[in-house]
Amino acid sequence: MRRLGRDDHGCYETYRNFLETRPAPVCANILICLIHQTNYLLDRLIR
């Protein structure tokens, strides 16, 4: 998990199989969590 941000393969193709095998509500929840985490990290960076 900690190495995800270090890979150069951060494109949709990398996560395509994972997202296409999950139901839509689960994918939506994952994306919402990622948005919140990104927002938190950006807020910390700004401070």
Protein backbone atom coordinates (compact mmCIF):
# COMPACT_ATOMS: atom_id res chain seq x y z
CA MET A 1 0.00 0.00 0.00
CA ARG A 2 2.76 2.45 0.85
CA ARG A 3 4.45 1.94 -2.51
CA LEU A 4 1.39 2.87 -4.61
CA GLY A 5 2.37 6.52 -4.78
CA ARG A 6 5.92 5.68 -5.79
CA ASP A 7 5.09 3.78 -8.94
CA ASP A 8 5.15 5.51 -12.30
CA HIS A 9 2.12 3.52 -13.41
CA GLY A 10 -0.56 5.73 -11.87
CA CYS A 11 -2.86 5.51 -14.86
CA TYR A 12 -6.30 3.97 -15.15
CA GLU A 13 -4.91 0.82 -16.78
CA THR A 14 -3.06 0.00 -13.57
CA TYR A 15 -6.29 -0.16 -11.56
CA ARG A 16 -8.67 -1.18 -14.34
CA ASN A 17 -9.05 -4.82 -13.28
CA PHE A 18 -9.60 -3.82 -9.66
CA LEU A 19 -12.29 -1.25 -10.48
CA GLU A 20 -14.07 -3.33 -13.10
CA THR A 21 -14.47 -6.34 -10.79
CA ARG A 22 -16.14 -4.37 -7.98
CA PRO A 23 -19.75 -3.17 -7.87
CA ALA A 24 -20.33 0.48 -8.74
CA PRO A 25 -21.18 1.59 -5.16
CA VAL A 26 -17.91 0.11 -3.88
CA CYS A 27 -15.91 1.90 -6.60
CA ALA A 28 -17.70 5.15 -5.82
CA ASN A 29 -16.90 4.79 -2.12
CA ILE A 30 -13.23 4.09 -2.88
CA LEU A 31 -13.02 7.17 -5.12
CA ILE A 32 -14.73 9.38 -2.53
CA CYS A 33 -12.23 8.20 0.10
CA LEU A 34 -9.35 8.98 -2.25
CA ILE A 35 -10.74 12.46 -2.91
CA HIS A 36 -11.02 13.14 0.83
CA GLN A 37 -7.49 11.89 1.44
CA THR A 38 -6.12 14.03 -1.38
CA ASN A 39 -7.96 17.08 -0.04
CA TYR A 40 -6.56 16.50 3.45
CA LEU A 41 -3.00 16.18 2.12
CA LEU A 42 -3.36 19.31 -0.01
CA ASP A 43 -4.69 21.26 2.99
CA ARG A 44 -1.66 20.16 5.03
CA LEU A 45 0.67 21.15 2.21
CA ILE A 46 -0.91 24.61 2.00
CA ARG A 47 -0.56 25.13 5.76
